[in-house]
């Protein structure tokens, strides 16, 4: 009898663990971000608060966002539009009428939680939002990632990223108004003055 109860308990316990999931091919969100940075070599630190209107299009291999940020240490207010086109391996940063073009060094981040990610548990937010939290090391950047996703559709809810030194960066993000699809396709339009 004890073996049967133990077996039933193991089966129920295994069934209660979330499995890594994949986000929709296209989604949009607004993020509220806090970024702390410490450079050990320069012995300097800074703190930034910001928000992003974020677009993720796996079909087009592109990410775009409009970001407004305030660096409280450097007393800088920045408003920029960033487009990362992973088919062209180019990143465009537009500030006002100035455009900077850079080559991307890494592939587009995968839209799936890695199979070797560690489950940090399941919890509920007010309003009945069910969230699964995952942790893993990003092989391309070396950062530690902790991501909370909705249990039903694998949409991002919360995220924290910690990069390794000598430039340590901790970014925490709260995702709001997350929807499937691309709300503003023009976010991926590269202005003519960028080329």
N, C-alpha and C. Protein backbone atom coordinates (compact mmCIF):
# COMPACT_ATOMS: atom_id res chain seq x y z
N UNK A 1 0.83 -1.20 0.00
CA UNK A 1 0.00 0.00 0.00
C UNK A 1 0.88 1.27 0.00
N UNK A 2 1.96 1.21 0.78
CA UNK A 2 2.87 2.35 0.86
C UNK A 2 3.50 2.63 -0.49
N UNK A 3 3.85 1.59 -1.25
CA UNK A 3 4.45 1.75 -2.57
C UNK A 3 3.47 2.41 -3.53
N UNK A 4 2.21 2.02 -3.45
CA UNK A 4 1.18 2.61 -4.33
C UNK A 4 1.01 4.09 -4.01
N UNK A 5 0.94 4.45 -2.72
CA UNK A 5 0.81 5.86 -2.34
C UNK A 5 2.02 6.67 -2.79
N UNK A 6 3.20 6.09 -2.63
CA UNK A 6 4.43 6.76 -3.07
C UNK A 6 4.42 6.97 -4.57
N UNK A 7 4.01 5.97 -5.33
CA UNK A 7 3.95 6.07 -6.80
C UNK A 7 2.94 7.13 -7.22
N UNK A 8 1.76 7.15 -6.59
CA UNK A 8 0.75 8.16 -6.91
C UNK A 8 1.29 9.55 -6.59
N UNK A 9 1.98 9.69 -5.44
CA UNK A 9 2.56 10.98 -5.07
C UNK A 9 3.59 11.45 -6.07
N UNK A 10 4.45 10.57 -6.55
CA UNK A 10 5.46 10.92 -7.55
C UNK A 10 4.81 11.34 -8.85
N UNK A 11 3.80 10.62 -9.30
CA UNK A 11 3.08 10.96 -10.54
C UNK A 11 2.42 12.32 -10.41
N UNK A 12 1.74 12.57 -9.27
CA UNK A 12 1.10 13.87 -9.08
C UNK A 12 2.13 14.98 -9.01
N UNK A 13 3.26 14.73 -8.33
CA UNK A 13 4.31 15.73 -8.22
C UNK A 13 4.92 16.05 -9.57
N UNK A 14 5.19 15.03 -10.37
CA UNK A 14 5.75 15.25 -11.71
C UNK A 14 4.77 16.02 -12.58
N UNK A 15 3.49 15.74 -12.46
CA UNK A 15 2.48 16.42 -13.26
C UNK A 15 2.32 17.88 -12.89
N UNK A 16 2.75 18.25 -11.64
CA UNK A 16 2.57 19.64 -11.20
C UNK A 16 3.69 20.54 -11.67
N UNK A 17 4.80 19.99 -12.16
CA UNK A 17 5.90 20.81 -12.65
C UNK A 17 5.60 21.32 -14.05
N UNK A 18 5.90 22.60 -14.26
CA UNK A 18 5.72 23.19 -15.59
C UNK A 18 6.82 22.69 -16.51
N UNK A 19 6.52 22.67 -17.79
CA UNK A 19 7.51 22.28 -18.79
C UNK A 19 7.91 23.55 -19.56
N UNK A 20 9.19 23.65 -19.99
CA UNK A 20 9.59 24.82 -20.77
C UNK A 20 8.67 25.03 -21.97
N UNK A 21 8.37 26.28 -22.26
CA UNK A 21 7.42 26.60 -23.33
C UNK A 21 8.05 27.56 -24.33
N UNK A 22 7.34 27.78 -25.42
CA UNK A 22 7.75 28.73 -26.46
C UNK A 22 6.74 29.87 -26.54
N UNK A 23 7.25 31.08 -26.66
CA UNK A 23 6.39 32.25 -26.80
C UNK A 23 5.78 32.28 -28.19
N UNK A 24 4.70 33.02 -28.37
CA UNK A 24 4.12 33.17 -29.71
C UNK A 24 5.16 33.77 -30.67
N UNK A 25 4.99 33.53 -31.96
CA UNK A 25 5.93 34.05 -32.95
C UNK A 25 5.96 35.58 -32.97
N UNK A 26 4.81 36.20 -32.68
CA UNK A 26 4.74 37.66 -32.65
C UNK A 26 4.05 38.10 -31.37
N UNK A 27 4.65 39.07 -30.68
CA UNK A 27 4.00 39.64 -29.51
C UNK A 27 4.49 41.06 -29.27
N UNK A 28 3.68 41.80 -28.54
CA UNK A 28 3.96 43.20 -28.23
C UNK A 28 3.73 43.42 -26.74
N UNK A 29 4.44 44.39 -26.18
CA UNK A 29 4.30 44.68 -24.75
C UNK A 29 4.85 46.06 -24.44
N UNK A 30 4.53 46.53 -23.26
CA UNK A 30 5.16 47.72 -22.69
C UNK A 30 5.90 47.24 -21.45
N UNK A 31 7.18 47.60 -21.34
CA UNK A 31 7.96 47.18 -20.17
C UNK A 31 8.30 48.39 -19.30
N UNK A 32 8.37 48.15 -18.02
CA UNK A 32 8.86 49.13 -17.06
C UNK A 32 10.17 48.55 -16.55
N UNK A 33 11.28 49.29 -16.76
CA UNK A 33 12.62 48.75 -16.52
C UNK A 33 13.38 49.55 -15.46
N UNK A 34 14.18 48.82 -14.68
CA UNK A 34 15.16 49.41 -13.78
C UNK A 34 16.49 48.75 -14.10
N UNK A 35 17.53 49.57 -14.35
CA UNK A 35 18.83 49.02 -14.74
C UNK A 35 19.90 49.61 -13.83
N UNK A 36 20.58 48.72 -13.11
CA UNK A 36 21.72 49.14 -12.30
C UNK A 36 22.99 48.61 -12.94
N UNK A 37 24.03 49.45 -12.97
CA UNK A 37 25.28 49.05 -13.62
C UNK A 37 26.46 49.43 -12.72
N UNK A 38 27.39 48.49 -12.60
CA UNK A 38 28.63 48.77 -11.87
C UNK A 38 29.80 48.25 -12.69
N UNK A 39 30.75 49.13 -12.99
CA UNK A 39 31.95 48.75 -13.71
C UNK A 39 33.10 48.66 -12.71
N UNK A 40 33.56 47.43 -12.50
CA UNK A 40 34.60 47.19 -11.50
C UNK A 40 35.92 47.86 -11.90
N UNK A 41 36.27 47.82 -13.19
CA UNK A 41 37.53 48.41 -13.64
C UNK A 41 37.56 49.92 -13.46
N UNK A 42 36.44 50.57 -13.73
CA UNK A 42 36.36 52.03 -13.60
C UNK A 42 35.88 52.48 -12.22
N UNK A 43 35.41 51.51 -11.42
CA UNK A 43 34.81 51.79 -10.11
C UNK A 43 33.73 52.87 -10.23
N UNK A 44 32.81 52.65 -11.18
CA UNK A 44 31.72 53.60 -11.39
C UNK A 44 30.39 52.85 -11.44
N UNK A 45 29.35 53.52 -10.96
CA UNK A 45 28.02 52.91 -10.93
C UNK A 45 26.99 53.89 -11.48
N UNK A 46 25.89 53.34 -12.01
CA UNK A 46 24.81 54.20 -12.48
C UNK A 46 23.48 53.47 -12.32
N UNK A 47 22.41 54.26 -12.31
CA UNK A 47 21.06 53.73 -12.15
C UNK A 47 20.17 54.37 -13.21
N UNK A 48 19.39 53.54 -13.90
CA UNK A 48 18.54 54.02 -14.98
C UNK A 48 17.12 53.48 -14.79
N UNK A 49 16.15 54.35 -15.01
CA UNK A 49 14.74 53.95 -15.02
C UNK A 49 14.21 54.21 -16.43
N UNK A 50 13.40 53.29 -16.94
CA UNK A 50 12.90 53.50 -18.29
C UNK A 50 11.67 52.68 -18.58
N UNK A 51 11.17 52.88 -19.78
CA UNK A 51 10.06 52.06 -20.28
C UNK A 51 10.27 51.84 -21.76
N UNK A 52 9.78 50.71 -22.24
CA UNK A 52 9.89 50.35 -23.64
C UNK A 52 8.54 49.91 -24.18
N UNK A 53 8.26 50.34 -25.39
CA UNK A 53 7.16 49.75 -26.15
C UNK A 53 7.85 48.76 -27.08
N UNK A 54 7.62 47.47 -26.84
CA UNK A 54 8.47 46.40 -27.36
C UNK A 54 7.70 45.52 -28.35
N UNK A 55 8.37 45.17 -29.45
CA UNK A 55 7.78 44.32 -30.49
C UNK A 55 8.74 43.18 -30.81
N UNK A 56 8.25 41.97 -30.76
CA UNK A 56 9.07 40.77 -31.03
C UNK A 56 8.43 40.01 -32.20
N UNK A 57 9.15 39.91 -33.30
CA UNK A 57 8.62 39.22 -34.49
C UNK A 57 9.59 38.10 -34.89
N UNK A 58 9.27 36.90 -34.45
CA UNK A 58 10.11 35.75 -34.75
C UNK A 58 10.07 35.40 -36.24
N UNK A 59 8.92 35.63 -36.88
CA UNK A 59 8.78 35.32 -38.31
C UNK A 59 9.73 36.16 -39.16
N UNK A 60 9.89 37.43 -38.79
CA UNK A 60 10.76 38.33 -39.55
C UNK A 60 12.17 38.38 -38.97
N UNK A 61 12.44 37.62 -37.92
CA UNK A 61 13.74 37.65 -37.23
C UNK A 61 14.13 39.08 -36.86
N UNK A 62 13.21 39.76 -36.18
CA UNK A 62 13.44 41.17 -35.84
C UNK A 62 12.82 41.52 -34.48
N UNK A 63 13.46 42.46 -33.82
CA UNK A 63 12.98 43.03 -32.56
C UNK A 63 13.04 44.54 -32.72
N UNK A 64 12.03 45.23 -32.23
CA UNK A 64 12.04 46.70 -32.27
C UNK A 64 11.45 47.23 -30.97
N UNK A 65 11.95 48.39 -30.56
CA UNK A 65 11.34 49.02 -29.38
C UNK A 65 11.59 50.52 -29.39
N UNK A 66 10.65 51.22 -28.77
CA UNK A 66 10.77 52.65 -28.50
C UNK A 66 11.05 52.76 -27.01
N UNK A 67 12.15 53.41 -26.66
CA UNK A 67 12.57 53.46 -25.26
C UNK A 67 12.71 54.89 -24.78
N UNK A 68 12.20 55.14 -23.59
CA UNK A 68 12.38 56.41 -22.91
C UNK A 68 13.07 56.08 -21.59
N UNK A 69 14.20 56.73 -21.30
CA UNK A 69 14.93 56.39 -20.07
C UNK A 69 15.52 57.63 -19.42
N UNK A 70 15.68 57.52 -18.10
CA UNK A 70 16.31 58.57 -17.31
C UNK A 70 17.42 57.93 -16.49
N UNK A 71 18.66 58.37 -16.74
CA UNK A 71 19.80 57.92 -15.97
C UNK A 71 19.98 58.89 -14.82
N UNK A 72 19.68 58.42 -13.60
CA UNK A 72 19.70 59.32 -12.45
C UNK A 72 21.11 59.71 -12.04
N UNK A 73 22.10 58.91 -12.42
CA UNK A 73 23.49 59.21 -12.07
C UNK A 73 24.08 60.24 -13.03
N UNK A 74 23.88 60.01 -14.33
CA UNK A 74 24.42 60.93 -15.34
C UNK A 74 23.47 62.08 -15.65
N UNK A 75 22.27 62.06 -15.08
CA UNK A 75 21.25 63.09 -15.31
C UNK A 75 20.96 63.25 -16.80
N UNK A 76 20.73 62.11 -17.46
CA UNK A 76 20.44 62.12 -18.89
C UNK A 76 19.05 61.56 -19.15
N UNK A 77 18.31 62.23 -20.01
CA UNK A 77 17.01 61.75 -20.48
C UNK A 77 17.18 61.38 -21.95
N UNK A 78 16.85 60.14 -22.30
CA UNK A 78 17.04 59.68 -23.68
C UNK A 78 15.74 59.07 -24.19
N UNK A 79 15.40 59.42 -25.42
CA UNK A 79 14.27 58.81 -26.12
C UNK A 79 14.82 58.25 -27.42
N UNK A 80 14.69 56.93 -27.61
CA UNK A 80 15.26 56.33 -28.82
C UNK A 80 14.38 55.23 -29.37
N UNK A 81 14.62 54.93 -30.64
CA UNK A 81 13.94 53.86 -31.37
C UNK A 81 15.02 52.89 -31.83
N UNK A 82 14.91 51.63 -31.43
CA UNK A 82 15.91 50.63 -31.78
C UNK A 82 15.27 49.53 -32.62
N UNK A 83 15.94 49.16 -33.72
CA UNK A 83 15.49 48.07 -34.58
C UNK A 83 16.65 47.09 -34.72
N UNK A 84 16.39 45.84 -34.36
CA UNK A 84 17.41 44.78 -34.54
C UNK A 84 16.89 43.83 -35.60
N UNK A 85 17.55 43.86 -36.76
CA UNK A 85 17.17 42.98 -37.87
C UNK A 85 18.20 41.85 -37.93
N UNK A 86 17.78 40.66 -37.48
CA UNK A 86 18.72 39.54 -37.39
C UNK A 86 18.92 38.83 -38.73
N UNK A 87 18.08 39.13 -39.73
CA UNK A 87 18.34 38.61 -41.08
C UNK A 87 19.51 39.36 -41.70
N UNK A 88 19.54 40.68 -41.50
CA UNK A 88 20.64 41.51 -42.00
C UNK A 88 21.80 41.58 -41.01
N UNK A 89 21.57 41.12 -39.76
CA UNK A 89 22.55 41.22 -38.67
C UNK A 89 22.96 42.69 -38.44
N UNK A 90 21.94 43.57 -38.47
CA UNK A 90 22.15 45.01 -38.26
C UNK A 90 21.26 45.51 -37.13
N UNK A 91 21.78 46.49 -36.38
CA UNK A 91 20.99 47.18 -35.37
C UNK A 91 21.00 48.67 -35.70
N UNK A 92 19.81 49.26 -35.73
CA UNK A 92 19.64 50.68 -36.01
C UNK A 92 19.16 51.36 -34.73
N UNK A 93 19.87 52.40 -34.31
CA UNK A 93 19.46 53.18 -33.15
C UNK A 93 19.18 54.59 -33.62
N UNK A 94 17.92 55.00 -33.47
CA UNK A 94 17.48 56.31 -33.95
C UNK A 94 17.18 57.20 -32.76
N UNK A 95 17.89 58.33 -32.67
CA UNK A 95 17.64 59.33 -31.65
C UNK A 95 17.38 60.63 -32.38
N UNK A 96 16.13 61.08 -32.37
CA UNK A 96 15.76 62.27 -33.14
C UNK A 96 15.95 61.97 -34.62
N UNK A 97 16.79 62.77 -35.28
CA UNK A 97 17.07 62.56 -36.71
C UNK A 97 18.46 61.96 -36.93
N UNK A 98 19.03 61.41 -35.87
CA UNK A 98 20.34 60.78 -35.97
C UNK A 98 20.19 59.27 -35.89
N UNK A 99 20.86 58.59 -36.80
CA UNK A 99 20.78 57.13 -36.83
C UNK A 99 22.18 56.54 -36.75
N UNK A 100 22.34 55.56 -35.87
CA UNK A 100 23.60 54.83 -35.76
C UNK A 100 23.35 53.38 -36.17
N UNK A 101 24.21 52.85 -37.02
CA UNK A 101 24.07 51.47 -37.49
C UNK A 101 25.23 50.64 -36.96
N UNK A 102 24.90 49.49 -36.40
CA UNK A 102 25.94 48.59 -35.88
C UNK A 102 25.68 47.18 -36.39
N UNK A 103 26.74 46.39 -36.45
CA UNK A 103 26.58 44.97 -36.78
C UNK A 103 26.21 44.21 -35.51
N UNK A 104 25.22 43.34 -35.63
CA UNK A 104 24.85 42.48 -34.50
C UNK A 104 25.85 41.35 -34.37
N UNK A 105 26.20 41.00 -33.15
CA UNK A 105 27.19 39.96 -32.90
C UNK A 105 26.56 38.61 -32.57
N UNK A 106 25.31 38.62 -32.10
CA UNK A 106 24.65 37.38 -31.69
C UNK A 106 23.41 37.13 -32.52
N UNK A 107 22.98 35.88 -32.56
CA UNK A 107 21.75 35.53 -33.25
C UNK A 107 20.56 36.03 -32.44
N UNK A 108 19.38 36.00 -33.07
CA UNK A 108 18.18 36.43 -32.37
C UNK A 108 17.94 35.52 -31.17
N UNK A 109 17.59 36.13 -30.02
CA UNK A 109 17.35 35.30 -28.84
C UNK A 109 16.23 34.28 -29.13
N UNK A 110 16.39 33.06 -28.67
CA UNK A 110 15.37 32.05 -28.93
C UNK A 110 14.04 32.43 -28.27
N UNK A 111 12.95 32.06 -28.92
CA UNK A 111 11.62 32.38 -28.40
C UNK A 111 11.13 31.32 -27.43
N UNK A 112 12.00 30.38 -27.10
CA UNK A 112 11.62 29.29 -26.19
C UNK A 112 12.49 29.31 -24.95
N UNK A 113 11.92 28.90 -23.85
CA UNK A 113 12.69 28.70 -22.63
C UNK A 113 13.55 27.46 -22.85
N UNK A 114 14.85 27.54 -22.57
CA UNK A 114 15.73 26.39 -22.84
C UNK A 114 15.28 25.14 -22.08
N UNK A 115 15.53 23.99 -22.70
CA UNK A 115 15.15 22.72 -22.08
C UNK A 115 15.87 22.49 -20.75
N UNK A 116 17.07 23.07 -20.60
CA UNK A 116 17.82 22.86 -19.36
C UNK A 116 17.56 23.96 -18.33
N UNK A 117 16.55 24.81 -18.56
CA UNK A 117 16.21 25.85 -17.58
C UNK A 117 15.68 25.20 -16.31
N UNK A 118 15.92 25.86 -15.20
CA UNK A 118 15.45 25.38 -13.91
C UNK A 118 14.13 26.06 -13.56
N UNK A 119 13.14 25.27 -13.17
CA UNK A 119 11.86 25.84 -12.76
C UNK A 119 12.02 26.44 -11.37
N UNK A 120 11.61 27.72 -11.23
CA UNK A 120 11.63 28.38 -9.93
C UNK A 120 10.22 28.41 -9.33
N UNK A 121 9.32 27.63 -9.89
CA UNK A 121 8.01 27.49 -9.28
C UNK A 121 6.88 28.16 -10.04
N UNK A 122 5.72 28.03 -9.46
CA UNK A 122 4.47 28.49 -10.04
C UNK A 122 3.77 29.35 -9.00
N UNK A 123 3.19 30.47 -9.44
CA UNK A 123 2.43 31.30 -8.51
C UNK A 123 1.31 32.03 -9.25
N UNK A 124 0.43 32.64 -8.49
CA UNK A 124 -0.71 33.35 -9.06
C UNK A 124 -0.60 34.83 -8.73
N UNK A 125 -0.94 35.67 -9.72
CA UNK A 125 -1.07 37.10 -9.50
C UNK A 125 -2.55 37.42 -9.30
N UNK A 126 -2.84 38.59 -8.70
CA UNK A 126 -4.24 38.98 -8.58
C UNK A 126 -4.92 39.00 -9.95
N UNK A 127 -6.17 38.67 -9.98
CA UNK A 127 -6.90 38.62 -11.25
C UNK A 127 -6.82 37.24 -11.89
N UNK A 128 -6.17 36.29 -11.21
CA UNK A 128 -6.13 34.92 -11.72
C UNK A 128 -5.05 34.65 -12.75
N UNK A 129 -4.02 35.53 -12.84
CA UNK A 129 -2.94 35.30 -13.79
C UNK A 129 -1.99 34.25 -13.20
N UNK A 130 -1.86 33.13 -13.91
CA UNK A 130 -1.01 32.03 -13.47
C UNK A 130 0.36 32.16 -14.14
N UNK A 131 1.42 32.12 -13.34
CA UNK A 131 2.77 32.40 -13.83
C UNK A 131 3.74 31.27 -13.45
N UNK A 132 4.56 30.86 -14.42
CA UNK A 132 5.66 29.92 -14.18
C UNK A 132 6.96 30.70 -14.30
N UNK A 133 7.88 30.49 -13.36
CA UNK A 133 9.15 31.22 -13.34
C UNK A 133 10.30 30.27 -13.64
N UNK A 134 11.23 30.74 -14.51
CA UNK A 134 12.35 29.91 -14.97
C UNK A 134 13.66 30.65 -14.78
N UNK A 135 14.74 29.88 -14.65
CA UNK A 135 16.08 30.44 -14.51
C UNK A 135 17.04 29.66 -15.39
N UNK A 136 17.95 30.40 -16.10
CA UNK A 136 18.99 29.75 -16.89
C UNK A 136 20.13 30.73 -17.16
N UNK A 137 21.25 30.18 -17.60
CA UNK A 137 22.39 30.98 -18.04
C UNK A 137 22.29 31.12 -19.55
N UNK A 138 22.32 32.35 -20.06
CA UNK A 138 22.27 32.61 -21.50
C UNK A 138 23.65 32.30 -22.09
N UNK A 139 23.71 31.31 -22.98
CA UNK A 139 25.00 30.88 -23.53
C UNK A 139 25.65 31.94 -24.41
N UNK A 140 24.84 32.80 -25.06
CA UNK A 140 25.42 33.80 -25.97
C UNK A 140 25.99 35.00 -25.21
N UNK A 141 25.34 35.42 -24.13
CA UNK A 141 25.80 36.61 -23.41
C UNK A 141 26.47 36.29 -22.08
N UNK A 142 26.23 35.10 -21.56
CA UNK A 142 26.77 34.74 -20.25
C UNK A 142 25.95 35.26 -19.10
N UNK A 143 24.84 35.93 -19.41
CA UNK A 143 23.99 36.51 -18.36
C UNK A 143 23.13 35.43 -17.70
N UNK A 144 22.78 35.68 -16.45
CA UNK A 144 21.80 34.85 -15.75
C UNK A 144 20.43 35.45 -16.00
N UNK A 145 19.48 34.62 -16.40
CA UNK A 145 18.14 35.10 -16.76
C UNK A 145 17.12 34.44 -15.85
N UNK A 146 16.22 35.26 -15.33
CA UNK A 146 15.07 34.75 -14.58
C UNK A 146 13.84 35.33 -15.25
N UNK A 147 12.97 34.47 -15.76
CA UNK A 147 11.83 34.91 -16.55
C UNK A 147 10.55 34.27 -16.03
N UNK A 148 9.55 35.11 -15.79
CA UNK A 148 8.22 34.64 -15.43
C UNK A 148 7.31 34.76 -16.63
N UNK A 149 6.63 33.67 -17.00
CA UNK A 149 5.74 33.67 -18.17
C UNK A 149 4.35 33.19 -17.76
N UNK A 150 3.35 33.64 -18.49
CA UNK A 150 1.99 33.18 -18.22
C UNK A 150 1.91 31.69 -18.52
N UNK A 151 1.24 30.96 -17.65
CA UNK A 151 1.18 29.50 -17.78
C UNK A 151 0.39 29.06 -19.01
N UNK A 152 -0.59 29.87 -19.41
CA UNK A 152 -1.46 29.43 -20.51
C UNK A 152 -0.87 29.70 -21.89
N UNK A 153 -0.20 30.88 -22.08
CA UNK A 153 0.28 31.23 -23.44
C UNK A 153 1.77 31.53 -23.51
N UNK A 154 2.48 31.37 -22.41
CA UNK A 154 3.93 31.58 -22.39
C UNK A 154 4.31 33.02 -22.77
N UNK A 155 3.49 33.99 -22.35
CA UNK A 155 3.79 35.40 -22.58
C UNK A 155 4.60 35.94 -21.41
N UNK A 156 5.60 36.80 -21.65
CA UNK A 156 6.44 37.28 -20.55
C UNK A 156 5.67 38.17 -19.59
N UNK A 157 6.00 38.03 -18.30
CA UNK A 157 5.37 38.82 -17.25
C UNK A 157 6.43 39.62 -16.49
N UNK A 158 7.49 38.94 -16.04
CA UNK A 158 8.59 39.58 -15.34
C UNK A 158 9.90 39.00 -15.85
N UNK A 159 10.97 39.81 -15.76
CA UNK A 159 12.28 39.33 -16.20
C UNK A 159 13.37 40.04 -15.43
N UNK A 160 14.42 39.30 -15.11
CA UNK A 160 15.64 39.93 -14.59
C UNK A 160 16.84 39.30 -15.29
N UNK A 161 17.80 40.15 -15.63
CA UNK A 161 19.03 39.74 -16.31
C UNK A 161 20.21 40.27 -15.52
N UNK A 162 21.18 39.40 -15.22
CA UNK A 162 22.39 39.83 -14.54
C UNK A 162 23.58 39.40 -15.37
N UNK A 163 24.34 40.39 -15.88
CA UNK A 163 25.52 40.09 -16.67
C UNK A 163 26.73 39.96 -15.75
N UNK A 164 27.72 39.20 -16.23
CA UNK A 164 28.93 39.02 -15.43
C UNK A 164 29.90 40.17 -15.67
N UNK A 165 30.89 40.31 -14.79
CA UNK A 165 31.81 41.43 -14.82
C UNK A 165 32.84 41.36 -15.92
N UNK A 166 33.68 42.37 -16.04
CA UNK A 166 33.86 43.42 -15.04
C UNK A 166 32.78 44.50 -15.07
N UNK A 167 31.91 44.50 -16.09
CA UNK A 167 30.80 45.45 -16.16
C UNK A 167 29.54 44.69 -15.77
N UNK A 168 29.11 44.84 -14.52
CA UNK A 168 27.95 44.12 -14.02
C UNK A 168 26.69 44.95 -14.29
N UNK A 169 25.71 44.34 -14.95
CA UNK A 169 24.47 45.04 -15.26
C UNK A 169 23.30 44.17 -14.80
N UNK A 170 22.43 44.74 -13.96
CA UNK A 170 21.21 44.07 -13.52
C UNK A 170 20.03 44.83 -14.08
N UNK A 171 19.27 44.17 -14.96
CA UNK A 171 18.06 44.77 -15.53
C UNK A 171 16.86 43.99 -15.04
N UNK A 172 15.90 44.69 -14.47
CA UNK A 172 14.63 44.05 -14.10
C UNK A 172 13.53 44.71 -14.93
N UNK A 173 12.62 43.87 -15.43
CA UNK A 173 11.56 44.36 -16.31
C UNK A 173 10.22 43.78 -15.88
N UNK A 174 9.22 44.63 -15.88
CA UNK A 174 7.84 44.22 -15.65
C UNK A 174 7.09 44.44 -16.96
N UNK A 175 6.50 43.38 -17.50
CA UNK A 175 5.80 43.46 -18.78
C UNK A 175 4.33 43.79 -18.53
N UNK A 176 3.81 44.78 -19.28
CA UNK A 176 2.41 45.19 -19.17
C UNK A 176 1.77 45.21 -20.54
N UNK A 177 0.46 45.09 -20.57
CA UNK A 177 -0.31 45.13 -21.82
C UNK A 177 0.28 44.19 -22.87
N UNK A 178 0.61 42.97 -22.45
CA UNK A 178 1.21 41.99 -23.36
C UNK A 178 0.12 41.39 -24.23
N UNK A 179 0.34 41.43 -25.55
CA UNK A 179 -0.63 40.85 -26.49
C UNK A 179 0.11 40.07 -27.57
N UNK A 180 -0.58 39.14 -28.18
CA UNK A 180 0.00 38.46 -29.33
C UNK A 180 -0.16 39.36 -30.55
N UNK A 181 0.71 39.19 -31.53
CA UNK A 181 0.67 40.02 -32.73
C UNK A 181 1.53 41.26 -32.58
N UNK A 182 1.69 41.99 -33.67
CA UNK A 182 2.48 43.22 -33.70
C UNK A 182 1.51 44.39 -33.78
N UNK A 183 1.43 45.19 -32.71
CA UNK A 183 0.46 46.30 -32.67
C UNK A 183 0.83 47.41 -33.63
N UNK A 184 2.14 47.62 -33.88
CA UNK A 184 2.58 48.71 -34.76
C UNK A 184 3.65 48.20 -35.71
N UNK A 185 3.26 47.70 -36.90
CA UNK A 185 4.26 47.19 -37.85
C UNK A 185 5.29 48.24 -38.27
N UNK A 186 4.96 49.53 -38.16
CA UNK A 186 5.90 50.58 -38.53
C UNK A 186 7.10 50.65 -37.58
N UNK A 187 7.01 49.96 -36.45
CA UNK A 187 8.14 49.95 -35.51
C UNK A 187 9.38 49.32 -36.16
N UNK A 188 9.18 48.48 -37.18
CA UNK A 188 10.29 47.81 -37.84
C UNK A 188 10.77 48.57 -39.09
N UNK A 189 10.16 49.70 -39.38
CA UNK A 189 10.52 50.48 -40.56
C UNK A 189 11.80 51.27 -40.28
N UNK A 190 12.82 51.04 -41.08
CA UNK A 190 14.10 51.76 -40.93
C UNK A 190 14.02 53.06 -41.73
N UNK A 191 14.16 54.22 -41.07
CA UNK A 191 14.07 55.49 -41.80
C UNK A 191 15.12 55.60 -42.91
N UNK A 192 14.79 56.34 -43.96
CA UNK A 192 15.71 56.45 -45.09
C UNK A 192 17.04 57.09 -44.70
N UNK A 193 17.03 57.98 -43.70
CA UNK A 193 18.30 58.62 -43.32
C UNK A 193 19.25 57.67 -42.59
N UNK A 194 18.78 56.45 -42.26
CA UNK A 194 19.68 55.46 -41.65
C UNK A 194 20.62 54.85 -42.70
N UNK A 195 20.23 54.86 -43.96
CA UNK A 195 21.06 54.23 -44.98
C UNK A 195 21.84 55.27 -45.76
